[in-house]
Amino acid sequence: MQLRLFADYFQVCILDGQSAAGLVKVWTPESLADRVAITGDSLTVRTEVNVDVEVNVGWTATPPVLDVNLFDHVVEVSLEIASGEMVIMGCTDYSPDAFRMKVWPGWVRLRIQKSNLKNAVLADLESDESPETIERIRIDAWPEKPLSLRVMKRWQGVGG
């Protein structure tokens, strides 16, 4: 499923459909570098821009094949989706109107893959005006027991 979300405050949220978790004060130097912050049954993906981003979401029964060379930043994290409904939204979106995906209830592994980051950062507030400059986030999800956060490729920024 392809979405276009407003990454207000440089954030996109993924949460259980019944989550009441707040993400205030969850950012640490480590979570900023990892580009994900987790609180209970919700997580926030840090974006590089504070405008619309393109988000592609996929659900599979097993982990999909990954080619890290296609992405600038790749991280895997576990999240409990006890309700069987995963919500993906901009952090200031109205939750009842947010995108919802049915998944198997329980623990879900999320692979968050970000691309086109340099072009998006350089275009800044105009990054969402062109396919050549929009930040892209791919979220692959599958059922799996909880595992530690794993950074598979870390983006260092425009200068790195």
N, C-alpha and C. Protein backbone atom coordinates (compact mmCIF):
# COMPACT_ATOMS: atom_id res chain seq x y z
N MET A 1 0.84 -1.17 0.00
CA MET A 1 0.00 0.00 0.00
C MET A 1 0.89 1.24 0.00
N GLN A 2 0.62 2.17 -0.88
CA GLN A 2 1.39 3.40 -0.94
C GLN A 2 0.59 4.53 -0.29
N LEU A 3 1.26 5.27 0.59
CA LEU A 3 0.66 6.39 1.30
C LEU A 3 1.50 7.63 1.11
N ARG A 4 0.87 8.75 1.26
CA ARG A 4 1.59 10.03 1.31
C ARG A 4 1.18 10.66 2.64
N LEU A 5 2.16 10.83 3.54
CA LEU A 5 1.86 11.31 4.89
C LEU A 5 2.63 12.59 5.19
N PHE A 6 2.00 13.46 5.94
CA PHE A 6 2.66 14.68 6.40
C PHE A 6 3.53 14.33 7.60
N ALA A 7 4.83 14.43 7.43
CA ALA A 7 5.79 14.09 8.49
C ALA A 7 6.02 15.32 9.37
N ASP A 8 4.95 15.79 9.98
CA ASP A 8 5.03 16.94 10.87
C ASP A 8 5.99 16.63 12.01
N TYR A 9 6.77 17.61 12.41
CA TYR A 9 7.79 17.44 13.45
C TYR A 9 8.80 16.35 13.08
N PHE A 10 8.97 16.10 11.77
CA PHE A 10 9.93 15.12 11.27
C PHE A 10 9.60 13.71 11.76
N GLN A 11 8.31 13.34 11.78
CA GLN A 11 7.92 12.05 12.34
C GLN A 11 6.76 11.39 11.59
N VAL A 12 6.85 10.07 11.50
CA VAL A 12 5.75 9.21 11.06
C VAL A 12 5.59 8.16 12.15
N CYS A 13 4.36 7.86 12.52
CA CYS A 13 4.09 6.94 13.63
C CYS A 13 3.51 5.62 13.15
N ILE A 14 3.89 4.54 13.83
CA ILE A 14 3.35 3.20 13.61
C ILE A 14 2.91 2.71 14.97
N LEU A 15 1.66 2.26 15.08
CA LEU A 15 1.16 1.86 16.39
C LEU A 15 0.06 0.83 16.29
N ASP A 16 -0.18 0.18 17.42
CA ASP A 16 -1.29 -0.74 17.55
C ASP A 16 -2.58 0.06 17.47
N GLY A 17 -3.60 -0.51 16.86
CA GLY A 17 -4.88 0.17 16.69
C GLY A 17 -5.54 0.57 17.99
N GLN A 18 -5.17 -0.06 19.10
CA GLN A 18 -5.73 0.27 20.41
C GLN A 18 -4.73 1.01 21.30
N SER A 19 -3.63 1.49 20.74
CA SER A 19 -2.58 2.12 21.52
C SER A 19 -3.02 3.45 22.13
N ALA A 20 -2.58 3.66 23.34
CA ALA A 20 -2.77 4.95 24.01
C ALA A 20 -1.41 5.57 24.33
N ALA A 21 -0.36 4.99 23.79
CA ALA A 21 1.01 5.43 24.10
C ALA A 21 1.25 6.82 23.53
N GLY A 22 2.00 7.59 24.25
CA GLY A 22 2.45 8.89 23.78
C GLY A 22 3.93 8.81 23.48
N LEU A 23 4.39 9.63 22.59
CA LEU A 23 5.80 9.58 22.20
C LEU A 23 6.57 10.81 22.65
N VAL A 24 6.07 11.46 23.67
CA VAL A 24 6.76 12.63 24.21
C VAL A 24 8.01 12.17 24.96
N LYS A 25 9.11 12.86 24.73
CA LYS A 25 10.37 12.61 25.44
C LYS A 25 10.96 11.21 25.20
N VAL A 26 10.74 10.63 24.04
CA VAL A 26 11.33 9.32 23.76
C VAL A 26 12.60 9.44 22.94
N TRP A 27 12.88 10.61 22.41
CA TRP A 27 14.05 10.76 21.56
C TRP A 27 15.31 10.91 22.41
N THR A 28 16.28 10.07 22.11
CA THR A 28 17.59 10.11 22.74
C THR A 28 18.62 10.27 21.62
N PRO A 29 19.87 10.56 21.92
CA PRO A 29 20.87 10.60 20.85
C PRO A 29 20.91 9.29 20.06
N GLU A 30 20.77 8.16 20.75
CA GLU A 30 20.80 6.86 20.07
C GLU A 30 19.59 6.67 19.17
N SER A 31 18.39 6.97 19.67
CA SER A 31 17.18 6.78 18.85
C SER A 31 17.17 7.75 17.67
N LEU A 32 17.72 8.95 17.85
CA LEU A 32 17.82 9.88 16.72
C LEU A 32 18.73 9.32 15.63
N ALA A 33 19.85 8.73 16.03
CA ALA A 33 20.77 8.12 15.06
C ALA A 33 20.14 6.89 14.40
N ASP A 34 19.38 6.11 15.18
CA ASP A 34 18.70 4.93 14.63
C ASP A 34 17.50 5.30 13.78
N ARG A 35 16.99 6.51 13.99
CA ARG A 35 15.82 7.05 13.29
C ARG A 35 14.52 6.34 13.67
N VAL A 36 14.49 5.72 14.85
CA VAL A 36 13.26 5.15 15.40
C VAL A 36 13.27 5.31 16.92
N ALA A 37 12.10 5.59 17.47
CA ALA A 37 11.92 5.67 18.92
C ALA A 37 10.71 4.81 19.26
N ILE A 38 10.85 3.96 20.28
CA ILE A 38 9.80 3.00 20.64
C ILE A 38 9.29 3.29 22.04
N THR A 39 7.96 3.26 22.18
CA THR A 39 7.32 3.38 23.49
C THR A 39 6.18 2.37 23.51
N GLY A 40 6.35 1.29 24.25
CA GLY A 40 5.28 0.29 24.38
C GLY A 40 4.83 -0.25 23.03
N ASP A 41 3.57 -0.01 22.69
CA ASP A 41 3.00 -0.55 21.46
C ASP A 41 2.95 0.49 20.33
N SER A 42 3.88 1.43 20.37
CA SER A 42 3.96 2.41 19.29
C SER A 42 5.41 2.79 19.04
N LEU A 43 5.66 3.23 17.83
CA LEU A 43 7.00 3.72 17.50
C LEU A 43 6.90 4.89 16.56
N THR A 44 7.93 5.68 16.56
CA THR A 44 8.00 6.82 15.67
C THR A 44 9.23 6.67 14.79
N VAL A 45 9.04 6.92 13.50
CA VAL A 45 10.13 6.94 12.53
C VAL A 45 10.52 8.39 12.34
N ARG A 46 11.79 8.70 12.54
CA ARG A 46 12.28 10.06 12.30
C ARG A 46 12.48 10.24 10.80
N THR A 47 11.94 11.31 10.27
CA THR A 47 12.14 11.64 8.85
C THR A 47 13.21 12.71 8.74
N GLU A 48 13.68 12.91 7.54
CA GLU A 48 14.70 13.92 7.30
C GLU A 48 14.08 15.26 6.95
N VAL A 49 12.79 15.25 6.61
CA VAL A 49 12.10 16.48 6.20
C VAL A 49 10.81 16.64 7.00
N ASN A 50 10.34 17.86 7.04
CA ASN A 50 9.14 18.22 7.79
C ASN A 50 8.01 18.57 6.82
N VAL A 51 7.85 17.74 5.80
CA VAL A 51 6.80 17.90 4.79
C VAL A 51 6.26 16.50 4.47
N ASP A 52 5.50 16.37 3.40
CA ASP A 52 4.99 15.05 3.01
C ASP A 52 6.12 14.11 2.64
N VAL A 53 5.93 12.84 2.97
CA VAL A 53 6.85 11.77 2.58
C VAL A 53 6.02 10.66 1.95
N GLU A 54 6.68 9.86 1.15
CA GLU A 54 6.03 8.69 0.52
C GLU A 54 6.31 7.48 1.40
N VAL A 55 5.26 6.75 1.76
CA VAL A 55 5.40 5.57 2.61
C VAL A 55 4.76 4.39 1.90
N ASN A 56 5.53 3.32 1.72
CA ASN A 56 5.02 2.07 1.15
C ASN A 56 5.03 1.02 2.24
N VAL A 57 3.90 0.35 2.43
CA VAL A 57 3.75 -0.62 3.50
C VAL A 57 3.43 -1.98 2.91
N GLY A 58 4.12 -3.02 3.38
CA GLY A 58 3.86 -4.37 2.93
C GLY A 58 3.80 -5.34 4.10
N TRP A 59 2.92 -6.33 4.01
CA TRP A 59 2.78 -7.38 5.03
C TRP A 59 3.05 -8.72 4.36
N THR A 60 3.94 -9.51 4.96
CA THR A 60 4.25 -10.84 4.43
C THR A 60 4.29 -11.83 5.58
N ALA A 61 4.23 -13.11 5.27
CA ALA A 61 4.27 -14.15 6.30
C ALA A 61 5.69 -14.39 6.80
N THR A 62 6.68 -14.05 5.99
CA THR A 62 8.08 -14.26 6.34
C THR A 62 8.88 -13.01 5.95
N PRO A 63 10.09 -12.87 6.48
CA PRO A 63 10.89 -11.68 6.12
C PRO A 63 11.17 -11.63 4.62
N PRO A 64 10.92 -10.48 3.99
CA PRO A 64 11.24 -10.36 2.57
C PRO A 64 12.75 -10.23 2.36
N VAL A 65 13.18 -10.56 1.16
CA VAL A 65 14.60 -10.42 0.80
C VAL A 65 14.95 -8.94 0.85
N LEU A 66 16.14 -8.65 1.34
CA LEU A 66 16.59 -7.26 1.47
C LEU A 66 17.87 -7.05 0.68
N ASP A 67 17.91 -5.97 -0.08
CA ASP A 67 19.13 -5.51 -0.72
C ASP A 67 19.43 -4.13 -0.13
N VAL A 68 20.30 -4.06 0.88
CA VAL A 68 20.57 -2.80 1.57
C VAL A 68 21.12 -1.73 0.63
N ASN A 69 21.67 -2.12 -0.51
CA ASN A 69 22.21 -1.16 -1.46
C ASN A 69 21.13 -0.28 -2.08
N LEU A 70 19.87 -0.70 -1.97
CA LEU A 70 18.77 0.09 -2.53
C LEU A 70 18.31 1.21 -1.61
N PHE A 71 18.84 1.26 -0.39
CA PHE A 71 18.36 2.19 0.63
C PHE A 71 19.51 2.95 1.28
N ASP A 72 19.16 4.10 1.87
CA ASP A 72 20.13 4.92 2.59
C ASP A 72 20.22 4.52 4.06
N HIS A 73 19.12 4.05 4.62
CA HIS A 73 19.06 3.71 6.04
C HIS A 73 18.10 2.53 6.20
N VAL A 74 18.51 1.50 6.95
CA VAL A 74 17.67 0.33 7.18
C VAL A 74 17.77 -0.08 8.63
N VAL A 75 16.62 -0.24 9.28
CA VAL A 75 16.59 -0.66 10.67
C VAL A 75 15.42 -1.64 10.84
N GLU A 76 15.63 -2.65 11.69
CA GLU A 76 14.56 -3.58 12.04
C GLU A 76 14.25 -3.45 13.51
N VAL A 77 12.97 -3.52 13.85
CA VAL A 77 12.53 -3.38 15.24
C VAL A 77 11.26 -4.21 15.42
N SER A 78 11.03 -4.64 16.64
CA SER A 78 9.83 -5.40 16.97
C SER A 78 8.81 -4.50 17.65
N LEU A 79 7.54 -4.77 17.36
CA LEU A 79 6.45 -4.00 17.94
C LEU A 79 5.28 -4.94 18.18
N GLU A 80 4.65 -4.82 19.33
CA GLU A 80 3.49 -5.66 19.61
C GLU A 80 2.24 -4.99 19.08
N ILE A 81 1.53 -5.71 18.21
CA ILE A 81 0.26 -5.25 17.65
C ILE A 81 -0.81 -6.22 18.14
N ALA A 82 -1.15 -6.11 19.43
CA ALA A 82 -2.06 -7.06 20.07
C ALA A 82 -3.46 -7.03 19.46
N SER A 83 -3.90 -5.89 18.97
CA SER A 83 -5.25 -5.77 18.41
C SER A 83 -5.38 -6.38 17.02
N GLY A 84 -4.24 -6.63 16.35
CA GLY A 84 -4.29 -7.11 14.97
C GLY A 84 -4.54 -6.00 13.97
N GLU A 85 -4.44 -4.76 14.42
CA GLU A 85 -4.63 -3.61 13.53
C GLU A 85 -3.45 -2.66 13.70
N MET A 86 -2.67 -2.51 12.63
CA MET A 86 -1.51 -1.63 12.64
C MET A 86 -1.90 -0.30 12.00
N VAL A 87 -1.61 0.79 12.70
CA VAL A 87 -1.94 2.13 12.23
C VAL A 87 -0.65 2.83 11.81
N ILE A 88 -0.69 3.50 10.65
CA ILE A 88 0.46 4.26 10.17
C ILE A 88 -0.05 5.66 9.84
N MET A 89 0.59 6.67 10.46
CA MET A 89 0.08 8.03 10.32
C MET A 89 1.17 9.07 10.59
N GLY A 90 0.94 10.28 10.14
CA GLY A 90 1.77 11.39 10.55
C GLY A 90 1.48 11.67 12.01
N CYS A 91 2.44 12.21 12.74
CA CYS A 91 2.27 12.33 14.20
C CYS A 91 1.17 13.31 14.60
N THR A 92 0.75 14.20 13.72
CA THR A 92 -0.34 15.11 14.06
C THR A 92 -1.63 14.77 13.31
N ASP A 93 -1.65 13.63 12.62
CA ASP A 93 -2.88 13.21 11.93
C ASP A 93 -3.95 12.84 12.95
N TYR A 94 -5.19 12.88 12.52
CA TYR A 94 -6.33 12.49 13.34
C TYR A 94 -6.42 10.96 13.30
N SER A 95 -6.19 10.32 14.43
CA SER A 95 -6.08 8.86 14.49
C SER A 95 -7.26 8.10 13.88
N PRO A 96 -8.52 8.48 14.12
CA PRO A 96 -9.62 7.72 13.50
C PRO A 96 -9.60 7.72 11.97
N ASP A 97 -8.96 8.71 11.36
CA ASP A 97 -8.88 8.77 9.90
C ASP A 97 -7.60 8.16 9.34
N ALA A 98 -6.72 7.69 10.20
CA ALA A 98 -5.41 7.18 9.77
C ALA A 98 -5.53 5.86 9.03
N PHE A 99 -4.50 5.54 8.23
CA PHE A 99 -4.42 4.26 7.52
C PHE A 99 -4.31 3.13 8.53
N ARG A 100 -5.10 2.08 8.32
CA ARG A 100 -5.10 0.91 9.20
C ARG A 100 -4.95 -0.34 8.35
N MET A 101 -4.09 -1.24 8.84
CA MET A 101 -3.83 -2.49 8.13
C MET A 101 -4.06 -3.65 9.09
N LYS A 102 -4.83 -4.63 8.64
CA LYS A 102 -5.03 -5.84 9.43
C LYS A 102 -3.77 -6.70 9.35
N VAL A 103 -3.30 -7.13 10.53
CA VAL A 103 -2.12 -8.00 10.62
C VAL A 103 -2.45 -9.10 11.64
N TRP A 104 -1.60 -10.10 11.72
CA TRP A 104 -1.79 -11.14 12.72
C TRP A 104 -1.54 -10.53 14.09
N PRO A 105 -2.45 -10.73 15.03
CA PRO A 105 -2.23 -10.16 16.37
C PRO A 105 -0.99 -10.75 17.02
N GLY A 106 -0.27 -9.90 17.72
CA GLY A 106 0.93 -10.34 18.43
C GLY A 106 2.13 -9.52 18.00
N TRP A 107 3.30 -10.14 18.15
CA TRP A 107 4.55 -9.45 17.83
C TRP A 107 4.77 -9.40 16.32
N VAL A 108 5.20 -8.25 15.86
CA VAL A 108 5.46 -7.99 14.45
C VAL A 108 6.88 -7.44 14.34
N ARG A 109 7.58 -7.90 13.34
CA ARG A 109 8.90 -7.35 13.03
C ARG A 109 8.71 -6.34 11.92
N LEU A 110 9.27 -5.15 12.09
CA LEU A 110 9.17 -4.09 11.10
C LEU A 110 10.56 -3.78 10.56
N ARG A 111 10.69 -3.78 9.25
CA ARG A 111 11.93 -3.34 8.60
C ARG A 111 11.62 -1.99 7.98
N ILE A 112 12.27 -0.97 8.47
CA ILE A 112 12.04 0.39 8.00
C ILE A 112 13.23 0.77 7.13
N GLN A 113 12.93 1.04 5.86
CA GLN A 113 13.96 1.30 4.86
C GLN A 113 13.71 2.68 4.27
N LYS A 114 14.71 3.53 4.37
CA LYS A 114 14.54 4.91 3.92
C LYS A 114 15.45 5.16 2.72
N SER A 115 14.92 5.90 1.73
CA SER A 115 15.72 6.20 0.55
C SER A 115 15.44 7.61 0.03
N ASN A 116 16.30 8.04 -0.86
CA ASN A 116 16.25 9.36 -1.49
C ASN A 116 16.45 10.48 -0.46
N LEU A 117 17.20 10.17 0.58
CA LEU A 117 17.34 11.10 1.70
C LEU A 117 18.16 12.35 1.34
N LYS A 118 19.25 12.18 0.63
CA LYS A 118 20.07 13.34 0.27
C LYS A 118 19.28 14.33 -0.57
N ASN A 119 18.59 13.82 -1.59
CA ASN A 119 17.80 14.71 -2.44
C ASN A 119 16.71 15.41 -1.65
N ALA A 120 16.08 14.70 -0.72
CA ALA A 120 15.02 15.30 0.10
C ALA A 120 15.58 16.39 1.00
N VAL A 121 16.70 16.12 1.65
CA VAL A 121 17.30 17.11 2.55
C VAL A 121 17.71 18.36 1.77
N LEU A 122 18.33 18.17 0.61
CA LEU A 122 18.78 19.32 -0.17
C LEU A 122 17.61 20.14 -0.69
N ALA A 123 16.49 19.49 -1.01
CA ALA A 123 15.31 20.22 -1.50
C ALA A 123 14.52 20.84 -0.34
N ASP A 124 14.70 20.32 0.88
CA ASP A 124 14.10 20.85 2.11
C ASP A 124 12.58 21.00 1.97
N LEU A 125 12.05 22.19 2.15
CA LEU A 125 10.59 22.37 2.17
C LEU A 125 9.92 22.10 0.82
N GLU A 126 10.70 22.05 -0.24
CA GLU A 126 10.14 21.73 -1.56
C GLU A 126 10.32 20.25 -1.92
N SER A 127 10.83 19.45 -0.99
CA SER A 127 11.14 18.06 -1.31
C SER A 127 9.92 17.24 -1.70
N ASP A 128 8.73 17.60 -1.22
CA ASP A 128 7.55 16.82 -1.55
C ASP A 128 6.88 17.26 -2.85
N GLU A 129 7.50 18.16 -3.58
CA GLU A 129 6.92 18.68 -4.81
C GLU A 129 7.33 17.90 -6.05
N SER A 130 8.24 16.95 -5.90
CA SER A 130 8.75 16.23 -7.06
C SER A 130 9.11 14.79 -6.69
N PRO A 131 8.84 13.84 -7.58
CA PRO A 131 9.26 12.46 -7.32
C PRO A 131 10.77 12.31 -7.18
N GLU A 132 11.54 13.22 -7.76
CA GLU A 132 12.99 13.15 -7.68
C GLU A 132 13.52 13.56 -6.32
N THR A 133 12.72 14.27 -5.52
CA THR A 133 13.23 14.80 -4.26
C THR A 133 12.45 14.33 -3.03
N ILE A 134 11.39 13.59 -3.20
CA ILE A 134 10.59 13.20 -2.03
C ILE A 134 11.29 12.10 -1.22
N GLU A 135 11.20 12.21 0.09
CA GLU A 135 11.74 11.16 0.96
C GLU A 135 10.84 9.94 0.86
N ARG A 136 11.46 8.77 0.74
CA ARG A 136 10.72 7.51 0.62
C ARG A 136 11.00 6.61 1.82
N ILE A 137 9.93 6.05 2.35
CA ILE A 137 10.04 5.11 3.47
C ILE A 137 9.30 3.84 3.08
N ARG A 138 9.99 2.73 3.15
CA ARG A 138 9.36 1.43 2.91
C ARG A 138 9.30 0.69 4.24
N ILE A 139 8.12 0.21 4.58
CA ILE A 139 7.93 -0.53 5.82
C ILE A 139 7.47 -1.94 5.45
N ASP A 140 8.33 -2.92 5.72
CA ASP A 140 7.96 -4.32 5.55
C ASP A 140 7.64 -4.86 6.93
N ALA A 141 6.55 -5.61 7.05
CA ALA A 141 6.13 -6.15 8.34
C ALA A 141 5.80 -7.63 8.19
N TRP A 142 6.13 -8.41 9.24
CA TRP A 142 5.81 -9.83 9.25
C TRP A 142 5.73 -10.29 10.71
N PRO A 143 5.02 -11.38 10.98
CA PRO A 143 4.95 -11.87 12.36
C PRO A 143 6.28 -12.50 12.77
N GLU A 144 6.75 -12.15 13.96
CA GLU A 144 7.99 -12.72 14.47
C GLU A 144 8.11 -12.40 15.95
N LYS A 145 8.69 -13.32 16.69
CA LYS A 145 8.91 -13.09 18.13
C LYS A 145 9.75 -11.83 18.30
N PRO A 146 9.65 -11.18 19.46
CA PRO A 146 10.40 -9.94 19.64
C PRO A 146 11.91 -10.15 19.62
N LEU A 147 12.59 -9.29 18.90
CA LEU A 147 14.04 -9.29 18.80
C LEU A 147 14.54 -7.87 19.05
N SER A 148 15.80 -7.73 19.35
CA SER A 148 16.40 -6.42 19.59
C SER A 148 16.40 -5.58 18.31
N LEU A 149 16.42 -4.28 18.50
CA LEU A 149 16.57 -3.35 17.38
C LEU A 149 17.87 -3.67 16.66
N ARG A 150 17.83 -3.62 15.35
CA ARG A 150 19.02 -3.93 14.54
C ARG A 150 19.15 -2.90 13.42
N VAL A 151 20.22 -2.13 13.45
CA VAL A 151 20.50 -1.19 12.36
C VAL A 151 21.33 -1.94 11.33
N MET A 152 20.80 -2.07 10.13
CA MET A 152 21.48 -2.81 9.07
C MET A 152 22.26 -1.89 8.15
N LYS A 153 21.86 -0.63 8.11
CA LYS A 153 22.59 0.38 7.36
C LYS A 153 22.22 1.74 7.96
N ARG A 154 23.23 2.52 8.28
CA ARG A 154 22.98 3.80 8.95
C ARG A 154 23.34 4.96 8.02
N TRP A 155 22.38 5.86 7.83
CA TRP A 155 22.63 7.06 7.04
C TRP A 155 23.28 8.10 7.92
N GLN A 156 24.35 8.71 7.45
CA GLN A 156 25.11 9.66 8.25
C GLN A 156 24.73 11.11 7.95
N GLY A 157 23.84 11.33 7.03
CA GLY A 157 23.46 12.70 6.67
C GLY A 157 24.10 13.10 5.36
N VAL A 158 23.80 14.32 4.94
CA VAL A 158 24.27 14.81 3.64
C VAL A 158 25.78 14.82 3.58
N GLY A 159 26.44 15.21 4.65
CA GLY A 159 27.90 15.28 4.65
C GLY A 159 28.58 13.96 4.91
N GLY A 160 27.79 12.93 5.34
CA GLY A 160 28.40 11.66 5.74
C GLY A 160 28.15 10.62 4.79
